[in-house]
Structures are given as C-alpha cells and as structure tokens.
Protein backbone atom coordinates (compact mmCIF):
# COMPACT_ATOMS: atom_id res chain seq x y z
CA MET A 1 114.90 130.83 111.69
CA PRO A 2 114.87 129.34 108.11
CA VAL A 3 111.74 127.73 106.73
CA VAL A 4 112.46 124.67 104.88
CA GLU A 5 109.77 123.72 102.15
CA ILE A 6 109.69 120.17 100.67
CA ASN A 7 107.44 119.37 97.78
CA ASP A 8 107.26 116.69 94.95
CA LEU A 9 106.58 114.00 97.63
CA ALA A 10 105.77 111.45 95.06
CA LYS A 11 108.90 112.25 92.97
CA ILE A 12 111.05 109.34 94.68
CA GLY A 13 108.78 107.08 96.78
CA GLN A 14 110.11 104.95 99.38
CA ILE A 15 113.79 104.22 99.54
CA ASN A 16 115.48 101.48 101.67
CA ASP A 17 118.58 100.83 99.75
CA VAL A 18 120.53 104.11 100.91
CA ALA A 19 121.03 105.24 104.53
CA ALA A 20 118.06 107.69 105.21
CA TYR A 21 120.69 110.60 105.92
CA MET A 22 121.96 110.30 102.41
CA LEU A 23 118.57 110.39 100.49
CA PRO A 24 117.00 113.60 99.03
CA PRO A 25 114.49 115.34 101.21
CA GLU A 26 111.49 114.35 98.88
CA ALA A 27 112.07 110.67 99.64
CA TRP A 28 110.43 108.44 102.30
CA THR A 29 111.81 106.03 104.53
CA LEU A 30 108.29 104.40 105.12
CA ALA A 31 105.22 104.53 103.14
CA GLU A 32 102.38 102.07 104.33
CA ASN A 33 98.69 102.19 103.27
CA ILE A 34 99.76 105.00 100.92
CA ARG A 35 99.57 105.38 97.16
CA TYR A 36 101.13 108.08 94.63
CA ALA A 37 98.78 109.94 92.61
CA ARG A 38 98.49 113.21 91.00
CA GLY A 39 102.00 113.91 92.03
CA SER A 40 101.35 113.48 95.68
CA PRO A 41 101.22 110.64 98.40
CA GLN A 42 97.57 109.87 99.44
CA VAL A 43 95.71 107.36 101.46
CA LEU A 44 94.99 104.24 99.72
CA ASP A 45 91.35 103.49 99.01
CA GLY A 46 89.77 100.51 100.82
CA TRP A 47 87.93 97.51 99.59
CA GLU A 48 83.95 96.71 100.09
CA ALA A 49 82.21 93.60 99.78
CA VAL A 50 80.38 93.04 96.56
CA PHE A 51 78.33 90.33 94.87
CA GLY A 52 76.48 89.21 97.93
CA THR A 53 77.19 85.98 99.87
CA PRO A 54 79.00 83.40 97.44
CA LEU A 55 77.85 79.99 97.57
CA GLY A 56 81.49 78.70 98.32
CA PRO A 57 85.01 80.13 99.27
CA PRO A 58 85.87 81.97 96.12
CA HIS A 59 89.65 81.15 95.08
CA PHE A 60 89.26 82.09 91.46
CA ALA A 61 87.04 84.30 89.46
CA ILE A 62 86.62 85.21 85.79
CA PRO A 63 84.21 87.70 83.90
CA PHE A 64 82.29 86.54 80.88
CA LYS A 65 79.94 88.50 78.90
CA GLY A 66 77.02 86.22 77.56
CA VAL A 67 74.25 86.75 75.42
CA ALA A 68 71.77 87.82 78.02
CA ALA A 69 73.93 88.73 81.02
CA THR A 70 77.44 89.62 82.19
CA TRP A 71 78.49 86.64 84.34
CA TRP A 72 81.17 86.04 86.86
CA LEU A 73 82.55 82.41 86.94
CA TYR A 74 84.11 81.59 90.04
CA THR A 75 85.52 78.33 91.97
CA SER A 76 86.06 77.12 95.25
CA LEU A 77 88.57 74.18 95.74
CA THR A 78 85.81 71.45 94.79
CA LYS A 79 83.06 73.42 92.96
CA ALA A 80 82.14 75.92 90.16
CA PHE A 81 79.74 78.66 90.48
CA ALA A 82 78.34 81.56 88.33
CA PHE A 83 76.97 84.94 89.40
CA ASP A 84 74.60 87.08 87.19
CA GLY A 85 74.79 90.42 89.12
CA ALA A 86 71.74 89.29 91.19
CA ASN A 87 71.96 85.39 91.96
CA HIS A 88 74.39 82.70 92.42
CA PHE A 89 74.11 79.38 90.88
CA ASP A 90 76.10 76.09 91.35
CA ILE A 91 77.47 75.10 87.88
CA THR A 92 79.80 72.25 88.99
CA ARG A 93 79.85 69.32 86.43
CA VAL A 94 77.21 66.56 86.94
CA ALA A 95 80.09 63.85 87.60
CA GLY A 96 80.83 65.51 90.91
CA ASP A 97 83.33 67.64 92.83
CA TYR A 98 86.76 68.81 91.56
CA THR A 99 90.03 67.82 93.34
CA THR A 100 91.89 71.31 93.54
CA GLY A 101 94.23 71.42 96.45
CA SER A 102 95.10 75.27 96.59
CA THR A 103 94.11 78.45 95.09
CA GLU A 104 97.13 79.00 92.58
CA GLN A 105 96.08 75.73 90.81
CA TRP A 106 93.03 77.53 89.24
CA ASN A 107 93.37 79.17 85.88
CA GLY A 108 90.99 80.19 83.17
CA ILE A 109 90.27 81.86 79.86
CA VAL A 110 87.30 82.76 77.60
CA PHE A 111 87.94 81.20 74.08
CA GLY A 112 85.81 81.66 71.24
CA GLY A 113 82.85 82.82 73.49
CA THR A 114 83.19 79.72 75.82
CA PRO A 115 84.51 80.10 79.32
CA ILE A 116 87.14 77.36 80.25
CA LEU A 117 88.36 76.62 83.79
CA ASN A 118 91.46 74.40 84.73
CA ASN A 119 93.19 73.42 87.79
CA GLY A 120 95.72 70.87 86.63
CA SER A 121 94.02 67.91 88.62
CA ASP A 122 91.07 67.53 86.55
CA VAL A 123 90.16 67.58 83.09
CA PRO A 124 89.62 71.28 81.90
CA GLN A 125 85.95 72.29 82.19
CA MET A 126 84.00 74.44 79.74
CA TRP A 127 80.70 76.13 80.36
CA PRO A 128 78.65 75.48 76.90
CA ALA A 129 76.22 77.48 75.25
CA PRO A 130 73.58 78.43 75.95
CA GLN A 131 74.84 79.74 79.56
CA THR A 132 72.24 79.85 81.74
CA SER A 133 71.58 79.53 85.51
CA VAL A 134 71.03 75.69 84.98
CA THR A 135 73.93 75.14 82.43
CA LYS A 136 76.79 72.70 84.08
CA MET A 137 80.22 72.74 83.40
CA ILE A 138 81.35 69.75 81.11
CA ALA A 139 84.80 68.48 79.98
CA LEU A 140 86.45 70.45 77.32
CA THR A 141 85.43 69.12 73.92
CA ALA A 142 87.87 66.69 72.17
CA TRP A 143 90.34 67.03 75.21
CA PRO A 144 92.29 63.81 75.64
CA ALA A 145 90.65 62.03 78.73
CA THR A 146 94.20 60.77 79.89
CA MET A 147 95.72 64.21 80.06
CA LYS A 148 95.74 66.98 82.56
CA ALA A 149 97.67 70.47 82.23
CA LYS A 150 98.56 72.79 84.92
CA ILE A 151 98.28 75.80 82.53
CA LEU A 152 95.73 76.38 79.86
CA ARG A 153 96.22 79.49 77.59
CA ASN A 154 94.60 80.74 74.30
CA PHE A 155 96.86 81.74 71.52
CA GLY A 156 95.24 83.14 68.41
CA SER A 157 92.94 80.21 67.34
CA TYR A 158 94.89 77.64 69.28
CA LEU A 159 94.65 76.42 72.73
CA VAL A 160 97.94 75.51 74.39
CA ALA A 161 98.70 73.33 77.61
CA PHE A 162 101.65 73.57 79.54
CA ASN A 163 103.26 71.35 82.34
CA ILE A 164 101.23 68.12 81.30
CA THR A 165 100.38 64.83 83.09
CA ASP A 166 99.74 62.03 80.55
CA THR A 167 98.91 58.50 81.76
CA THR A 168 99.62 57.13 78.45
CA PHE A 169 103.27 58.09 78.83
CA SER A 170 106.03 56.83 81.44
CA PRO A 171 106.92 58.80 83.32
CA THR A 172 103.38 60.42 83.32
CA LEU A 173 104.80 63.77 84.55
CA LEU A 174 105.80 65.99 81.78
CA PRO A 175 106.77 69.40 83.39
CA HIS A 176 108.60 70.72 80.51
CA LEU A 177 106.02 70.02 77.80
CA VAL A 178 103.99 72.26 75.71
CA GLN A 179 101.11 71.08 73.83
CA TRP A 180 98.85 72.94 71.34
CA SER A 181 95.57 72.13 69.78
CA ASN A 182 94.30 72.10 66.07
CA PRO A 183 93.19 75.69 65.37
CA ALA A 184 89.54 76.40 66.42
CA GLY A 185 86.99 77.87 64.08
CA PRO A 186 85.26 81.14 65.09
CA GLY A 187 83.23 80.87 67.99
CA SER A 188 84.08 77.31 68.86
CA VAL A 189 86.60 75.29 70.74
CA PRO A 190 89.17 72.92 69.14
CA THR A 191 88.00 69.81 67.58
CA SER A 192 91.36 67.90 68.02
CA TRP A 193 94.59 67.75 70.14
CA ALA A 194 96.12 65.22 67.96
CA TYR A 195 99.89 65.74 67.32
CA GLY A 196 102.11 64.26 64.71
CA ASN A 197 99.13 63.79 62.36
CA PRO A 198 99.64 65.60 59.02
CA ALA A 199 95.94 66.19 58.81
CA THR A 200 96.00 68.51 61.73
CA GLU A 201 98.18 71.29 63.26
CA GLY A 202 98.29 69.99 66.83
CA GLY A 203 101.69 69.48 68.24
CA ARG A 204 103.95 69.02 71.05
CA LYS A 205 107.19 70.54 71.97
CA ASP A 206 109.38 69.51 75.19
CA LEU A 207 111.38 72.44 76.32
CA PRO A 208 115.13 70.98 76.79
CA ASP A 209 116.39 72.80 79.73
CA VAL A 210 115.28 70.42 82.30
CA ASN A 211 117.75 71.81 84.87
CA ALA A 212 115.77 75.24 84.54
CA GLY A 213 112.80 73.65 86.41
CA GLU A 214 109.26 73.17 85.63
CA ILE A 215 107.01 75.42 83.53
CA LEU A 216 105.07 77.53 86.07
CA GLU A 217 103.31 80.18 83.97
CA ALA A 218 102.58 81.30 80.46
CA LYS A 219 101.26 84.68 79.15
CA GLN A 220 100.95 86.37 75.75
CA LEU A 221 102.78 89.48 74.99
CA GLY A 222 101.95 90.96 71.61
CA SER A 223 102.29 88.29 68.88
CA THR A 224 104.50 86.08 71.40
CA MET A 225 103.68 83.81 74.10
CA PHE A 226 106.16 83.97 77.05
CA ILE A 227 106.67 80.63 78.93
CA TYR A 228 108.07 80.92 82.32
CA LYS A 229 109.92 78.29 84.13
CA GLU A 230 111.50 78.42 87.43
CA ARG A 231 115.08 79.36 86.03
CA SER A 232 114.41 80.30 82.52
CA ILE A 233 111.97 82.16 80.09
CA TRP A 234 110.89 80.93 76.59
CA LYS A 235 109.36 82.71 73.60
CA MET A 236 106.72 80.82 71.58
CA SER A 237 105.97 82.23 68.14
CA TYR A 238 103.85 81.31 65.29
CA ILE A 239 105.62 80.72 61.93
CA GLY A 240 103.21 78.15 60.22
CA GLY A 241 104.33 75.77 57.90
CA GLN A 242 105.56 72.16 59.07
CA TYR A 243 106.38 73.33 62.71
CA ILE A 244 103.50 75.67 63.37
CA PHE A 245 105.33 77.25 66.43
CA GLN A 246 108.87 78.30 67.03
CA PHE A 247 110.47 78.21 70.51
CA ASP A 248 113.37 80.40 71.49
CA THR A 249 115.21 81.14 75.03
CA PHE A 250 114.42 84.70 76.06
CA LEU A 251 116.53 84.61 79.49
CA GLU A 252 118.53 81.58 80.33
CA ASP A 253 119.10 82.53 84.11
CA VAL A 254 115.90 84.08 85.15
CA GLY A 255 112.86 82.32 86.09
CA ILE A 256 109.44 83.00 87.74
CA LEU A 257 108.57 82.95 91.49
CA GLY A 258 105.45 80.88 90.97
CA PRO A 259 102.03 80.82 89.24
CA ARG A 260 100.22 84.02 88.75
CA CYS A 261 103.56 85.95 89.17
CA VAL A 262 103.33 87.72 85.92
CA CYS A 263 101.07 90.56 84.63
CA MET A 264 100.71 93.26 82.11
CA ASP A 265 102.14 96.59 82.95
CA VAL A 266 99.64 99.56 82.83
CA THR A 267 100.55 100.25 79.11
CA GLY A 268 99.61 96.62 78.06
CA THR A 269 103.17 96.46 76.19
CA LYS A 270 105.45 94.88 78.74
CA HIS A 271 105.29 92.09 81.22
CA VAL A 272 105.96 92.63 85.01
CA VAL A 273 107.43 89.33 86.40
CA VAL A 274 108.23 88.48 89.85
CA THR A 275 111.55 86.35 89.75
CA GLN A 276 113.21 84.27 92.31
CA ASP A 277 115.02 87.20 93.77
CA ASP A 278 113.74 90.41 91.87
CA ILE A 279 110.73 92.07 90.13
CA ILE A 280 111.45 92.77 86.52
CA ILE A 281 109.79 94.30 83.52
CA HIS A 282 110.42 93.72 79.81
CA ASN A 283 108.97 94.22 76.43
CA GLY A 284 110.43 90.91 75.01
CA ASN A 285 113.80 92.62 74.41
CA ALA A 286 115.06 94.94 77.20
CA VAL A 287 114.86 93.71 80.78
CA GLU A 288 115.24 96.16 83.80
CA SER A 289 114.26 95.84 87.47
CA ILE A 290 111.63 98.06 89.07
CA LEU A 291 113.31 97.84 92.56
CA THR A 292 116.46 99.12 93.96
CA ASP A 293 119.04 96.95 95.28
CA ARG A 294 118.03 97.30 98.98
CA GLN A 295 114.19 97.25 98.15
CA ARG A 296 114.90 93.83 96.45
CA ILE A 297 116.84 92.45 99.41
CA THR A 298 114.46 93.71 101.87
CA LEU A 299 111.42 92.42 99.97
CA PHE A 300 112.67 88.74 99.48
CA ASN A 301 114.09 88.69 103.22
CA VAL A 302 110.46 89.05 104.29
CA ILE A 303 108.72 86.83 101.82
CA ASN A 304 107.93 83.19 103.40
CA LYS A 305 110.00 80.85 101.35
CA GLU A 306 108.02 77.87 101.91
CA THR A 307 104.76 79.56 100.74
CA ALA A 308 106.24 81.99 98.20
CA GLY A 309 104.07 79.94 95.64
CA THR A 310 100.82 81.49 96.97
CA SER A 311 102.10 84.98 95.89
CA PHE A 312 100.31 86.83 92.86
CA ILE A 313 100.57 90.05 90.97
CA PHE A 314 98.04 92.16 89.14
CA THR A 315 97.63 95.40 87.25
CA ASN A 316 95.67 98.25 88.94
CA LYS A 317 95.54 100.23 85.57
CA THR A 318 93.44 103.27 86.47
CA LYS A 319 95.97 103.88 89.40
CA ASP A 320 98.86 103.14 87.31
CA GLU A 321 99.96 100.56 89.66
CA VAL A 322 100.97 97.02 89.97
CA TRP A 323 100.19 95.15 93.18
CA PHE A 324 102.44 92.15 94.27
CA CYS A 325 100.78 90.33 97.19
CA PHE A 326 103.03 87.90 99.15
CA PRO A 327 103.04 85.81 102.31
CA GLU A 328 105.43 87.16 104.89
CA SER A 329 107.46 85.04 107.06
CA GLY A 330 105.38 82.64 108.91
CA GLN A 331 102.30 83.33 106.72
CA PRO A 332 100.74 80.33 104.58
CA HIS A 333 98.86 82.83 102.21
CA PRO A 334 99.45 86.60 100.94
CA SER A 335 99.34 89.09 103.86
CA ARG A 336 101.15 92.14 102.49
CA ALA A 337 101.24 93.82 99.07
CA LEU A 338 104.05 95.81 97.50
CA ILE A 339 102.54 98.74 95.27
CA TRP A 340 104.60 99.88 92.41
CA ASN A 341 103.37 103.31 90.79
CA SER A 342 104.77 102.72 87.22
CA LYS A 343 104.80 106.46 86.55
CA GLY A 344 107.21 106.96 89.48
CA GLY A 345 109.67 104.62 87.78
CA LYS A 346 112.32 102.58 89.64
CA GLY A 347 111.84 102.23 93.44
CA ALA A 348 108.49 104.16 93.45
CA ILE A 349 107.06 101.68 95.95
CA SER A 350 104.61 101.57 99.04
CA TYR A 351 103.20 98.88 101.02
CA ALA A 352 99.86 97.66 102.13
CA PRO A 353 99.95 95.33 105.10
CA GLY A 354 96.82 93.28 106.22
CA ILE A 355 96.06 91.46 102.83
CA THR A 356 93.13 89.17 103.44
CA PHE A 357 92.44 88.01 99.59
CA ARG A 358 94.01 85.48 97.61
CA ASN A 359 93.39 86.19 94.01
CA ALA A 360 92.32 89.23 91.84
CA SER A 361 90.51 89.58 88.67
CA VAL A 362 89.40 92.48 86.35
CA GLY A 363 85.97 92.72 84.99
CA ASP A 364 82.84 94.84 84.32
CA LEU A 365 80.47 95.96 87.32
CA GLN A 366 77.16 97.94 86.71
CA GLY A 367 75.59 100.28 89.39
CA VAL A 368 74.56 103.88 90.05
CA THR A 369 76.64 106.02 92.85
CA ALA A 370 74.71 106.99 95.81
CA GLU A 371 76.57 110.40 95.81
CA THR A 372 73.93 113.48 95.23
CA TRP A 373 74.80 116.78 94.28
CA ALA A 374 74.45 117.96 97.72
CA ASP A 375 76.92 115.40 98.96
CA GLY A 376 79.61 116.16 96.49
CA THR A 377 82.58 118.23 97.81
CA ASP A 378 85.31 117.61 95.11
CA THR A 379 85.97 120.11 92.13
CA TRP A 380 85.36 119.07 88.62
CA ALA A 381 89.22 118.89 88.23
CA VAL A 382 89.84 116.39 90.89
CA ASP A 383 86.44 114.35 90.89
CA THR A 384 87.40 111.00 89.09
CA GLY A 385 83.62 109.67 88.70
CA PRO A 386 80.41 110.90 87.05
CA TRP A 387 77.38 111.21 88.87
CA SER A 388 75.61 108.24 87.36
CA GLN A 389 78.17 105.76 86.53
CA ILE A 390 78.75 102.28 85.14
CA PHE A 391 81.51 100.73 87.02
CA ARG A 392 83.89 99.51 84.17
CA GLN A 393 86.84 97.23 84.44
CA LYS A 394 86.95 96.89 88.13
CA ILE A 395 89.21 94.95 90.32
CA ILE A 396 87.40 91.91 91.96
CA LEU A 397 89.36 90.38 94.87
CA CYS A 398 88.60 86.74 96.08
CA ALA A 399 88.63 86.22 99.64
CA PRO A 400 88.07 82.63 100.49
CA ASP A 401 89.04 82.95 104.21
CA PRO A 402 88.86 86.66 105.23
CA SER A 403 89.38 85.97 108.80
CA LYS A 404 92.63 84.04 107.71
CA THR A 405 91.88 81.38 110.42
CA LEU A 406 91.62 78.50 107.73
CA THR A 407 88.11 78.03 108.68
CA TYR A 408 86.69 79.44 105.40
CA ALA A 409 83.87 80.98 107.17
CA ASN A 410 82.04 84.09 105.70
CA PRO A 411 83.93 84.02 102.42
CA LYS A 412 83.76 87.20 100.31
CA PHE A 413 84.23 89.20 97.08
CA TYR A 414 85.64 92.37 97.41
CA GLN A 415 86.01 95.34 95.02
CA LEU A 416 89.32 97.22 95.28
CA ASP A 417 89.54 100.98 95.54
CA ALA A 418 86.09 101.29 97.19
CA GLY A 419 85.34 103.03 100.46
CA ILE A 420 87.68 104.26 103.11
CA THR A 421 87.75 100.96 105.02
CA ARG A 422 88.77 97.35 104.38
CA ASP A 423 85.40 95.59 104.65
CA GLY A 424 84.46 97.84 107.49
CA VAL A 425 88.02 97.62 109.11
CA ALA A 426 89.80 100.83 109.53
CA PHE A 427 93.51 101.03 108.51
CA VAL A 428 96.24 103.28 109.32
CA PRO A 429 98.05 105.23 106.83
CA LEU A 430 101.72 106.10 107.43
CA LEU A 431 104.45 108.43 105.97
CA VAL A 432 107.72 108.78 107.71
CA ARG A 433 110.95 110.46 106.52
CA GLU A 434 113.73 109.94 108.93
CA ASP A 435 117.25 111.78 109.19
CA LEU A 436 116.75 114.95 107.51
CA GLY A 437 119.83 117.24 107.88
CA ILE A 438 118.71 120.10 105.80
CA VAL A 439 119.05 123.69 106.99
CA GLY A 440 118.09 125.51 103.73
CA GLN A 441 118.62 125.79 99.88
CA LYS A 442 120.98 127.51 97.62
CA ARG A 443 119.91 129.98 95.02
CA ASN A 444 119.81 127.17 92.43
CA GLY A 445 117.59 124.94 94.46
CA GLU A 446 120.16 122.70 95.94
CA TRP A 447 119.66 121.54 99.20
CA ILE A 448 121.84 122.66 102.11
CA ASN A 449 122.66 119.61 104.54
CA ASP A 450 124.73 119.92 107.87
CA PHE A 451 124.74 117.03 110.28
CA LYS A 452 127.21 118.74 112.55
CA GLN A 453 124.78 121.23 113.54
CA MET A 454 122.00 120.68 116.36
CA LYS A 455 118.72 121.64 115.10
CA MET A 456 115.32 122.52 116.63
CA VAL A 457 112.02 122.25 114.57
CA ASP A 458 109.30 124.24 116.35
CA SER A 459 106.49 124.28 113.93
CA VAL A 460 105.31 122.33 110.61
CA TRP A 461 103.23 123.88 107.85
CA PRO A 462 101.68 120.70 106.16
CA LYS A 463 99.95 121.37 102.69
CA ILE A 464 97.08 118.71 103.11
CA GLU A 465 93.47 118.40 101.55
CA GLY A 466 91.16 115.95 103.08
CA ALA A 467 90.65 114.56 106.77
CA PRO A 468 92.46 115.76 109.74
CA ILE A 469 95.72 113.76 110.54
CA ARG A 470 98.34 113.38 113.27
CA ILE A 471 101.97 114.65 113.02
CA ARG A 472 105.05 114.10 114.90
CA VAL A 473 108.78 115.11 114.83
CA GLY A 474 111.71 113.25 116.10
CA PHE A 475 115.38 113.79 116.43
CA ARG A 476 118.67 111.79 116.32
CA GLU A 477 121.94 112.99 117.80
CA THR A 478 124.33 110.57 115.91
CA VAL A 479 124.11 108.40 112.82
CA LYS A 480 122.37 105.40 113.70
CA GLY A 481 121.90 106.43 117.16
CA PRO A 482 118.38 106.33 118.83
CA LEU A 483 115.49 108.14 117.43
CA THR A 484 113.51 109.98 120.00
CA TRP A 485 110.04 111.14 119.06
CA GLN A 486 107.99 113.85 120.50
CA ASN A 487 104.33 113.37 121.03
CA TYR A 488 101.62 113.59 118.25
CA VAL A 489 99.88 116.67 117.44
CA ASN A 490 96.59 116.99 115.58
CA PHE A 491 96.19 118.98 112.34
CA ASN A 492 92.81 119.79 110.71
CA PRO A 493 93.28 121.20 107.25
CA ALA A 494 89.91 122.84 107.51
CA THR A 495 90.83 124.87 110.41
CA ASP A 496 94.54 124.84 110.78
CA LEU A 497 97.49 126.46 109.14
CA TRP A 498 100.46 125.13 111.07
CA VAL A 499 101.10 122.93 114.33
CA ASN A 500 103.62 123.65 117.08
CA ALA A 501 105.91 120.55 116.73
CA ILE A 502 107.34 120.71 120.27
CA VAL A 503 104.64 119.59 122.55
CA ASP A 504 106.29 118.05 125.34
CA GLU A 505 109.27 119.86 126.93
CA ASN A 506 110.22 116.66 128.91
CA LEU A 507 111.10 114.98 125.40
CA PRO A 508 114.10 115.84 123.34
CA GLY A 509 113.40 118.94 121.10
CA CYS A 510 116.42 119.04 118.98
CA GLY A 511 118.97 116.76 117.29
CA LYS A 512 121.64 116.78 114.29
CA ALA A 513 119.09 114.77 112.32
CA VAL A 514 115.24 115.54 112.06
CA SER A 515 112.54 113.10 111.43
CA ILE A 516 109.05 113.55 110.65
CA GLU A 517 105.88 111.31 110.68
CA PHE A 518 102.38 111.66 109.14
CA THR A 519 99.52 109.41 110.07
CA ALA A 520 95.94 109.36 111.23
CA ASN A 521 94.07 106.82 113.25
CA THR A 522 90.83 106.85 111.09
CA GLY A 523 90.42 105.53 107.63
CA ALA A 524 89.36 108.77 106.09
CA SER A 525 91.25 110.24 103.04
CA TRP A 526 93.79 112.70 102.83
CA ARG A 527 96.57 113.87 100.58
CA LEU A 528 99.89 115.43 101.24
CA ASP A 529 101.20 117.87 98.61
CA GLY A 530 104.23 119.22 100.49
CA TYR A 531 105.18 120.52 103.98
CA ALA A 532 107.47 123.12 105.53
CA MET A 533 109.46 123.27 108.66
CA ASN A 534 110.65 126.11 110.70
CA ILE A 535 114.23 124.94 111.56
CA GLU A 536 116.51 126.72 114.25
CA VAL A 537 120.08 126.01 113.95
CA ILE A 538 121.26 125.87 117.57
CA GLY A 539 125.09 125.14 117.23
CA PRO A 540 127.64 122.34 116.98
CA TYR A 541 127.19 120.52 120.09
C-alpha cells in the first residue's frame, strides 16, 4: 500500500473554478472558518465584546487621539457618542438628532486634530477642542449651510466633498460633483468653501461621465485621490496654480459595488476594490483580479443584488488578510465574509459565514493579557503576543443588531481575532478536499493520478497542532457521481498518531476518487500542516 503525503496546504487555497478532480492535491474545495497562516490552514480566531455597553446601536466608529485620552467616536443612526476607554458619553449636537437612514451613509475623518463625522443627510459635524465628556458635536466651521455631501475626505491640507446636494442649485442633486475647500492651516479646519473666488483656492469639478453613475466612494493612494463611481474610476491629483487639482480617468468601464467597498492592501501601496462583478487590486497603474473566474462567478451569484450596497471591505494587516463582508441572497445586511490571504496571491480565499457586524474600524486599545507564565503553552517561535501587552491597531467591529432580528437589542462592539468563539457562540471550522485520484508520486515529485482504478483509504496520518478534530473520508465511483462519506472518527494530536478511516463496513470504503474532510464541533484552535493517507489500489472495476 503506498502512503501518499500531502503538504503545503496553504499554497493554493480554495478553488472552485476548476473541477475538483483536476486540482492539485494541495488545493481545497471548501475552506470555511479557516485562515491561511504560517504556511498552513488554521482555525479562525473569534471575536469578543469590548467597550462595555454602548449608549446606542453602533453603525460607525472612528478612533481619535486626544490630548488627555484616546477616544472612540461612534454613531447610531440618530446620535453621536464618545468612549474614553472606561465610560460612554452622548455628544450629539445640541440641535437634536441626526437623520441617517442606513449604516453605509456614515463616514468620518480626523483632520487637523479634529474629528469630523458625515452622513450625507446632515451638515458634517465636528467635535471641537477641548474634547471632553461634555463637548458636543457642532456643524463643521465654514461649511455652506445649503450643502450636504455623501462623502467627505481629507487630501493634504484640503477637505474634499463628493456627491453633493446643494439647495442653491436646480436640480439640487449633484451626484457627479467634487468640491474642495480652501487649504486649512496646521491644527485647524478650513475657513472657506468658496469657489470661483481668486482670493481662495476652493473649487468645484463636475465629472462629465454621467452615464457611469454617481460617485460612491473616494480614497487616497499615495499622492492621488481615487474617485470611485458606479462604472468608472477617476484620479484627482494636486497640480497647484489656477486649477489646483487635475482630474483624469483611470478606468472607464470598471466601477465600485458600493460605499465602503475599497480598502488598502496589507502593504499600504495598493487599493483593493470590490467592483460590480469582481474584486480587483491596483497601484494606480496596473490592475488585476484577486479571484479566479469561477470564484468570481460563485461570489456574485450568492450576493443579494438588492442589498449589495451594504457590503464593506477592510484590511486585517496583522494576518495579511482582506475581508469582504457581503449580504447573501435574502439577507438585508452582511452575513458572510470572503477572506483573501494576500501572501497566497490570486485565489487564496476562504469564507466565514455567520457575520453579525456591519462595520469595521482600526484603532488602539490598551490592556494587559490575563495569561500567566504557568498558562502559556506556545513556544517562543510561535507565540505572537508579549506577556504584558498594549493592544495596538486592533480591528473593532460595529454590531448594532447582533441578533439580526432588526430589533437593535443588545448592541455591541467586538474585537476581531480575540478568543475562540464569536461572542460566546461556537463556530465550526471546515476543510474539505474532494475527488483526489492520486496513487503516488514520481521521483521528480510530480503526482500520479489514476481515476480508472478503485482505491481504498484505510488510514490517515494528520499533521495537526492544537485541539482534537474529526476526520472522515468519502468516495466517488464516477465523475460528478454521488459522494458517499464514511462516519467521522476523532483524532487527538496529543495522544494519536493516525486514525482508521474505515469505521463502518456498511458504508462504501472505496472508489475511483477519494475525498477527505477535517472539522471539529468545538471552537478550539488547531492548525493542519499536512496529512498522509494509506491508499490501496484495488483494481479497475
């Protein structure tokens, strides 16, 4: 009986655009609640509640380093709040509630040491100095009272507004308009938004490609602001002089899926963009997809077209990942995440179902780990955290409605990659490889596949670190024929070296194509570095 050993299990990732029997043995046909790290697939970390009980359902959050404290500003649909690490405060404007209709309307920046929040329905709000528990939000200084903007971004010493409503114009909706302020002095906000005035540098530019849809998002990359419309992408560059900024088309036939659907890659030198039918990465010049053809088709077939605008994307830099959270068919809000490991390259994706949050933000947390010297089990080579640590640049998740019942009861903040459950709820990791036809390897390492021969797998040697798991094998006699699984068998890496794969003689124990599954019914962490199977070729029948 030849022993077939398969390693490099993070080399390819999940592939769905090629028939399983044509894939290299290292590829997976399903990887859920799994990430690729240190060259191997491993169970995703969970998320835990942080920041105590928010004063309202958090739809948006932004960190801000004040003089005396590190604050987190956050918003419900109608109010603004601040958290100083210990207590929550209502900082809603004195004039009353805001009129936001949905999560994706909120955006915000910190400009010149001043936090600014914007929702497109109200005049942008700033949190003026001195920022304290009793300081209220106020209208952004010098902002025209007749104007609203769906997006507000900082670009050097300028503030830039995109997709504008201005009641002094007819029509009032200006979805292709870009307007920028006069430059602000250090530590201050702009003192003028006047345009067409030789005494100021403020200005306006209407992007002419009206058939490309409205402006949905804008994000700076290097010295260029990229403006994302529904079916085109523009570049905004500072040139000074009479015109201040220059506008050029970057891509004429590619646009963005919705607000919040662009983020930096893990190197900070490229944008990752969810388009209407792909996920691309670009550096301002070259563009490529991160998905294979079938992955792209599969993804956009399951996205709810009616609520796709609630999708969002963010970078998990410490894990070399980009997360794209989207609503599946029938879901009003994001319910599943596609996770791309950028080091794995094109197609290195896995999925996390059961998403209960609607937004993500990166910022600083401070705390001390509860782990003691006696508790630690990792070696110095694999332990990723110091014994006493300051939690820098963690990802905070906004969950205004964790139960997803639209009751907005028990709203929470979560910290991503914390714990082994999702706020106390266990999740199931799953790795599946279907339709292996390997019977051995040549001397040069090339795999030998033979789908004409019936094969039996009587034992499996998993290379696993961590908690116990469950393993099962399955068999298929014809291409695309029925797949029949054996029963699960338990494997404990602390005590076991191998498992007997045939545990029920009443179930099929052989086939021309072999499948294998690794899973667990607990949230404990484990990593799979490779596995070997004892394969017996029975014959061509």
